[in-house]
PDB file of N, CA and C in Angstrom:
ATOM      1  N   UNK A   1     -13.530  26.776-140.346  1.00  0.00           N
ATOM      2  CA  UNK A   1     -13.600  28.213-140.569  1.00  0.00           C
ATOM      3  C   UNK A   1     -14.844  28.793-139.935  1.00  0.00           C
ATOM      4  N   UNK A   2     -15.973  28.102-140.038  1.00  0.00           N
ATOM      5  CA  UNK A   2     -17.231  28.652-139.541  1.00  0.00           C
ATOM      6  C   UNK A   2     -17.164  28.914-138.048  1.00  0.00           C
ATOM      7  N   UNK A   3     -16.709  27.940-137.274  1.00  0.00           N
ATOM      8  CA  UNK A   3     -16.600  28.124-135.834  1.00  0.00           C
ATOM      9  C   UNK A   3     -15.619  29.234-135.521  1.00  0.00           C
ATOM     10  N   UNK A   4     -14.516  29.283-136.236  1.00  0.00           N
ATOM     11  CA  UNK A   4     -13.524  30.325-136.028  1.00  0.00           C
ATOM     12  C   UNK A   4     -14.069  31.703-136.332  1.00  0.00           C
ATOM     13  N   UNK A   5     -14.759  31.854-137.441  1.00  0.00           N
ATOM     14  CA  UNK A   5     -15.325  33.146-137.822  1.00  0.00           C
ATOM     15  C   UNK A   5     -16.399  33.568-136.838  1.00  0.00           C
ATOM     16  N   UNK A   6     -17.239  32.633-136.411  1.00  0.00           N
ATOM     17  CA  UNK A   6     -18.275  32.953-135.429  1.00  0.00           C
ATOM     18  C   UNK A   6     -17.662  33.391-134.113  1.00  0.00           C
ATOM     19  N   UNK A   7     -16.638  32.669-133.682  1.00  0.00           N
ATOM     20  CA  UNK A   7     -15.964  33.013-132.438  1.00  0.00           C
ATOM     21  C   UNK A   7     -15.329  34.382-132.490  1.00  0.00           C
ATOM     22  N   UNK A   8     -14.686  34.691-133.595  1.00  0.00           N
ATOM     23  CA  UNK A   8     -14.066  35.999-133.753  1.00  0.00           C
ATOM     24  C   UNK A   8     -15.116  37.107-133.812  1.00  0.00           C
ATOM     25  N   UNK A   9     -16.177  36.874-134.557  1.00  0.00           N
ATOM     26  CA  UNK A   9     -17.239  37.881-134.663  1.00  0.00           C
ATOM     27  C   UNK A   9     -17.887  38.123-133.302  1.00  0.00           C
ATOM     28  N   UNK A  10     -18.040  37.065-132.511  1.00  0.00           N
ATOM     29  CA  UNK A  10     -18.617  37.204-131.172  1.00  0.00           C
ATOM     30  C   UNK A  10     -17.741  38.073-130.275  1.00  0.00           C
ATOM     31  N   UNK A  11     -16.443  38.097-130.551  1.00  0.00           N
ATOM     32  CA  UNK A  11     -15.508  38.919-129.779  1.00  0.00           C
ATOM     33  C   UNK A  11     -15.395  40.330-130.353  1.00  0.00           C
ATOM     34  N   UNK A  12     -16.165  40.627-131.397  1.00  0.00           N
ATOM     35  CA  UNK A  12     -16.147  41.949-131.986  1.00  0.00           C
ATOM     36  C   UNK A  12     -15.082  42.150-133.045  1.00  0.00           C
ATOM     37  N   UNK A  13     -14.464  41.065-133.496  1.00  0.00           N
ATOM     38  CA  UNK A  13     -13.435  41.160-134.533  1.00  0.00           C
ATOM     39  C   UNK A  13     -14.109  41.266-135.894  1.00  0.00           C
ATOM     40  N   UNK A  14     -13.631  42.175-136.718  1.00  0.00           N
ATOM     41  CA  UNK A  14     -14.131  42.347-138.080  1.00  0.00           C
ATOM     42  C   UNK A  14     -13.418  41.329-138.960  1.00  0.00           C
ATOM     43  N   UNK A  15     -14.148  40.340-139.459  1.00  0.00           N
ATOM     44  CA  UNK A  15     -13.559  39.245-140.227  1.00  0.00           C
ATOM     45  C   UNK A  15     -13.682  39.554-141.719  1.00  0.00           C
ATOM     46  N   UNK A  16     -12.550  39.498-142.425  1.00  0.00           N
ATOM     47  CA  UNK A  16     -12.500  39.846-143.844  1.00  0.00           C
ATOM     48  C   UNK A  16     -11.780  38.745-144.628  1.00  0.00           C
ATOM     49  N   UNK A  17     -12.268  38.495-145.825  1.00  0.00           N
ATOM     50  CA  UNK A  17     -11.605  37.598-146.755  1.00  0.00           C
ATOM     51  C   UNK A  17     -11.724  38.226-148.135  1.00  0.00           C
ATOM     52  N   UNK A  18     -11.166  37.581-149.127  1.00  0.00           N
ATOM     53  CA  UNK A  18     -11.278  38.127-150.479  1.00  0.00           C
ATOM     54  C   UNK A  18     -12.462  37.494-151.211  1.00  0.00           C
ATOM     55  N   UNK A  19     -13.020  38.250-152.130  1.00  0.00           N
ATOM     56  CA  UNK A  19     -14.109  37.720-152.947  1.00  0.00           C
ATOM     57  C   UNK A  19     -13.620  36.552-153.799  1.00  0.00           C
ATOM     58  N   UNK A  20     -12.334  36.549-154.119  1.00  0.00           N
ATOM     59  CA  UNK A  20     -11.754  35.441-154.871  1.00  0.00           C
ATOM     60  C   UNK A  20     -11.824  34.138-154.071  1.00  0.00           C
ATOM     61  N   UNK A  21     -11.548  34.212-152.772  1.00  0.00           N
ATOM     62  CA  UNK A  21     -11.657  33.022-151.908  1.00  0.00           C
ATOM     63  C   UNK A  21     -13.087  32.501-151.898  1.00  0.00           C
ATOM     64  N   UNK A  22     -14.043  33.427-151.752  1.00  0.00           N
ATOM     65  CA  UNK A  22     -15.449  33.022-151.758  1.00  0.00           C
ATOM     66  C   UNK A  22     -15.797  32.330-153.071  1.00  0.00           C
ATOM     67  N   UNK A  23     -15.369  32.901-154.177  1.00  0.00           N
ATOM     68  CA  UNK A  23     -15.648  32.326-155.490  1.00  0.00           C
ATOM     69  C   UNK A  23     -15.076  30.917-155.619  1.00  0.00           C
ATOM     70  N   UNK A  24     -13.815  30.752-155.262  1.00  0.00           N
ATOM     71  CA  UNK A  24     -13.155  29.454-155.431  1.00  0.00           C
ATOM     72  C   UNK A  24     -13.767  28.389-154.516  1.00  0.00           C
ATOM     73  N   UNK A  25     -14.031  28.746-153.283  1.00  0.00           N
ATOM     74  CA  UNK A  25     -14.652  27.781-152.357  1.00  0.00           C
ATOM     75  C   UNK A  25     -16.053  27.439-152.841  1.00  0.00           C
ATOM     76  N   UNK A  26     -16.812  28.461-153.230  1.00  0.00           N
ATOM     77  CA  UNK A  26     -18.178  28.225-153.705  1.00  0.00           C
ATOM     78  C   UNK A  26     -18.181  27.344-154.965  1.00  0.00           C
ATOM     79  N   UNK A  27     -17.252  27.597-155.875  1.00  0.00           N
ATOM     80  CA  UNK A  27     -17.164  26.797-157.105  1.00  0.00           C
ATOM     81  C   UNK A  27     -16.923  25.327-156.784  1.00  0.00           C
ATOM     82  N   UNK A  28     -16.001  25.084-155.870  1.00  0.00           N
ATOM     83  CA  UNK A  28     -15.720  23.699-155.484  1.00  0.00           C
ATOM     84  C   UNK A  28     -16.903  23.055-154.772  1.00  0.00           C
ATOM     85  N   UNK A  29     -17.601  23.820-153.945  1.00  0.00           N
ATOM     86  CA  UNK A  29     -18.762  23.270-153.247  1.00  0.00           C
ATOM     87  C   UNK A  29     -19.912  22.983-154.212  1.00  0.00           C
ATOM     88  N   UNK A  30     -20.072  23.808-155.237  1.00  0.00           N
ATOM     89  CA  UNK A  30     -21.099  23.549-156.256  1.00  0.00           C
ATOM     90  C   UNK A  30     -20.784  22.242-156.979  1.00  0.00           C
ATOM     91  N   UNK A  31     -19.545  22.074-157.391  1.00  0.00           N
ATOM     92  CA  UNK A  31     -19.154  20.833-158.069  1.00  0.00           C
ATOM     93  C   UNK A  31     -19.356  19.628-157.155  1.00  0.00           C
ATOM     94  N   UNK A  32     -19.004  19.764-155.887  1.00  0.00           N
ATOM     95  CA  UNK A  32     -19.183  18.670-154.923  1.00  0.00           C
ATOM     96  C   UNK A  32     -20.667  18.361-154.717  1.00  0.00           C
ATOM     97  N   UNK A  33     -21.490  19.394-154.659  1.00  0.00           N
ATOM     98  CA  UNK A  33     -22.923  19.156-154.453  1.00  0.00           C
ATOM     99  C   UNK A  33     -23.549  18.478-155.669  1.00  0.00           C
ATOM    100  N   UNK A  34     -23.053  18.792-156.864  1.00  0.00           N
ATOM    101  CA  UNK A  34     -23.535  18.121-158.069  1.00  0.00           C
ATOM    102  C   UNK A  34     -23.142  16.645-158.029  1.00  0.00           C
ATOM    103  N   UNK A  35     -21.924  16.399-157.605  1.00  0.00           N
ATOM    104  CA  UNK A  35     -21.412  15.022-157.561  1.00  0.00           C
ATOM    105  C   UNK A  35     -22.107  14.179-156.499  1.00  0.00           C
ATOM    106  N   UNK A  36     -22.352  14.763-155.318  1.00  0.00           N
ATOM    107  CA  UNK A  36     -22.872  13.983-154.186  1.00  0.00           C
ATOM    108  C   UNK A  36     -24.336  14.240-153.872  1.00  0.00           C
ATOM    109  N   UNK A  37     -24.879  15.366-154.337  1.00  0.00           N
ATOM    110  CA  UNK A  37     -26.250  15.716-153.993  1.00  0.00           C
ATOM    111  C   UNK A  37     -26.372  16.365-152.621  1.00  0.00           C
ATOM    112  N   UNK A  38     -25.258  16.574-151.952  1.00  0.00           N
ATOM    113  CA  UNK A  38     -25.251  17.170-150.615  1.00  0.00           C
ATOM    114  C   UNK A  38     -24.969  18.673-150.730  1.00  0.00           C
ATOM    115  N   UNK A  39     -25.898  19.488-150.227  1.00  0.00           N
ATOM    116  CA  UNK A  39     -25.780  20.940-150.328  1.00  0.00           C
ATOM    117  C   UNK A  39     -25.391  21.593-149.007  1.00  0.00           C
ATOM    118  N   UNK A  40     -25.005  20.801-148.025  1.00  0.00           N
ATOM    119  CA  UNK A  40     -24.656  21.343-146.704  1.00  0.00           C
ATOM    120  C   UNK A  40     -23.504  22.339-146.774  1.00  0.00           C
ATOM    121  N   UNK A  41     -22.501  22.038-147.577  1.00  0.00           N
ATOM    122  CA  UNK A  41     -21.351  22.924-147.686  1.00  0.00           C
ATOM    123  C   UNK A  41     -21.739  24.297-148.210  1.00  0.00           C
ATOM    124  N   UNK A  42     -22.602  24.322-149.218  1.00  0.00           N
ATOM    125  CA  UNK A  42     -23.071  25.606-149.756  1.00  0.00           C
ATOM    126  C   UNK A  42     -23.897  26.362-148.730  1.00  0.00           C
ATOM    127  N   UNK A  43     -24.740  25.633-148.003  1.00  0.00           N
ATOM    128  CA  UNK A  43     -25.547  26.272-146.965  1.00  0.00           C
ATOM    129  C   UNK A  43     -24.654  26.862-145.884  1.00  0.00           C
ATOM    130  N   UNK A  44     -23.613  26.136-145.504  1.00  0.00           N
ATOM    131  CA  UNK A  44     -22.676  26.640-144.506  1.00  0.00           C
ATOM    132  C   UNK A  44     -21.947  27.875-145.010  1.00  0.00           C
ATOM    133  N   UNK A  45     -21.554  27.860-146.265  1.00  0.00           N
ATOM    134  CA  UNK A  45     -20.864  29.020-146.834  1.00  0.00           C
ATOM    135  C   UNK A  45     -21.787  30.237-146.855  1.00  0.00           C
ATOM    136  N   UNK A  46     -23.055  30.019-147.160  1.00  0.00           N
ATOM    137  CA  UNK A  46     -24.011  31.128-147.134  1.00  0.00           C
ATOM    138  C   UNK A  46     -24.117  31.716-145.733  1.00  0.00           C
ATOM    139  N   UNK A  47     -24.082  30.872-144.713  1.00  0.00           N
ATOM    140  CA  UNK A  47     -24.116  31.357-143.327  1.00  0.00           C
ATOM    141  C   UNK A  47     -22.869  32.176-143.009  1.00  0.00           C
ATOM    142  N   UNK A  48     -21.735  31.724-143.479  1.00  0.00           N
ATOM    143  CA  UNK A  48     -20.473  32.428-143.218  1.00  0.00           C
ATOM    144  C   UNK A  48     -20.475  33.807-143.876  1.00  0.00           C
ATOM    145  N   UNK A  49     -21.056  33.902-145.066  1.00  0.00           N
ATOM    146  CA  UNK A  49     -21.040  35.184-145.766  1.00  0.00           C
ATOM    147  C   UNK A  49     -21.864  36.244-145.041  1.00  0.00           C
ATOM    148  N   UNK A  50     -22.718  35.828-144.112  1.00  0.00           N
ATOM    149  CA  UNK A  50     -23.462  36.783-143.291  1.00  0.00           C
ATOM    150  C   UNK A  50     -22.561  37.375-142.200  1.00  0.00           C
ATOM    151  N   UNK A  51     -21.441  36.737-141.923  1.00  0.00           N
ATOM    152  CA  UNK A  51     -20.541  37.155-140.838  1.00  0.00           C
ATOM    153  C   UNK A  51     -19.262  37.781-141.383  1.00  0.00           C
ATOM    154  N   UNK A  52     -18.752  37.240-142.486  1.00  0.00           N
ATOM    155  CA  UNK A  52     -17.470  37.661-143.054  1.00  0.00           C
ATOM    156  C   UNK A  52     -17.717  38.691-144.152  1.00  0.00           C
ATOM    157  N   UNK A  53     -16.914  39.748-144.167  1.00  0.00           N
ATOM    158  CA  UNK A  53     -16.970  40.723-145.252  1.00  0.00           C
ATOM    159  C   UNK A  53     -15.969  40.295-146.325  1.00  0.00           C
ATOM    160  N   UNK A  54     -16.358  40.453-147.572  1.00  0.00           N
ATOM    161  CA  UNK A  54     -15.502  40.048-148.676  1.00  0.00           C
ATOM    162  C   UNK A  54     -15.058  41.275-149.467  1.00  0.00           C
ATOM    163  N   UNK A  55     -13.759  41.387-149.655  1.00  0.00           N
ATOM    164  CA  UNK A  55     -13.183  42.498-150.402  1.00  0.00           C
ATOM    165  C   UNK A  55     -12.914  42.076-151.835  1.00  0.00           C
ATOM    166  N   UNK A  56     -13.143  42.988-152.753  1.00  0.00           N
ATOM    167  CA  UNK A  56     -12.855  42.719-154.158  1.00  0.00           C
ATOM    168  C   UNK A  56     -11.363  42.650-154.386  1.00  0.00           C
ATOM    169  N   UNK A  57     -10.986  41.807-155.306  1.00  0.00           N
ATOM    170  CA  UNK A  57      -9.587  41.704-155.694  1.00  0.00           C
ATOM    171  C   UNK A  57      -9.434  42.493-156.980  1.00  0.00           C
ATOM    172  N   UNK A  58      -8.539  43.481-156.959  1.00  0.00           N
ATOM    173  CA  UNK A  58      -8.336  44.308-158.139  1.00  0.00           C
ATOM    174  C   UNK A  58      -6.856  44.371-158.479  1.00  0.00           C
ATOM    175  N   UNK A  59      -6.592  44.710-159.709  1.00  0.00           N
ATOM    176  CA  UNK A  59      -5.214  44.904-160.163  1.00  0.00           C
ATOM    177  C   UNK A  59      -4.981  46.402-160.227  1.00  0.00           C
ATOM    178  N   UNK A  60      -4.356  46.945-159.219  1.00  0.00           N
ATOM    179  CA  UNK A  60      -4.175  48.385-159.131  1.00  0.00           C
ATOM    180  C   UNK A  60      -3.085  48.901-160.052  1.00  0.00           C
ATOM    181  N   UNK A  61      -2.356  48.001-160.703  1.00  0.00           N
ATOM    182  CA  UNK A  61      -1.279  48.438-161.590  1.00  0.00           C
ATOM    183  C   UNK A  61      -1.805  48.900-162.948  1.00  0.00           C
ATOM    184  N   UNK A  62      -3.067  48.607-163.246  1.00  0.00           N
ATOM    185  CA  UNK A  62      -3.583  49.014-164.568  1.00  0.00           C
ATOM    186  C   UNK A  62      -4.369  50.296-164.491  1.00  0.00           C
TER     187      UNK A  62
END
């Protein structure tokens, strides 16, 4: 994803994901870093969040 997002951003593409995706990926990376002691995944995700915009997920029916 990181290389893809960087490549798209370099071409001027506005890259968007949901805040829910960020939460779920971050949650799994936190658990993995606790288990292994490796924080590279979290660091990479932090770099991606500087490039990708995250939209809130809302329930518009309420």
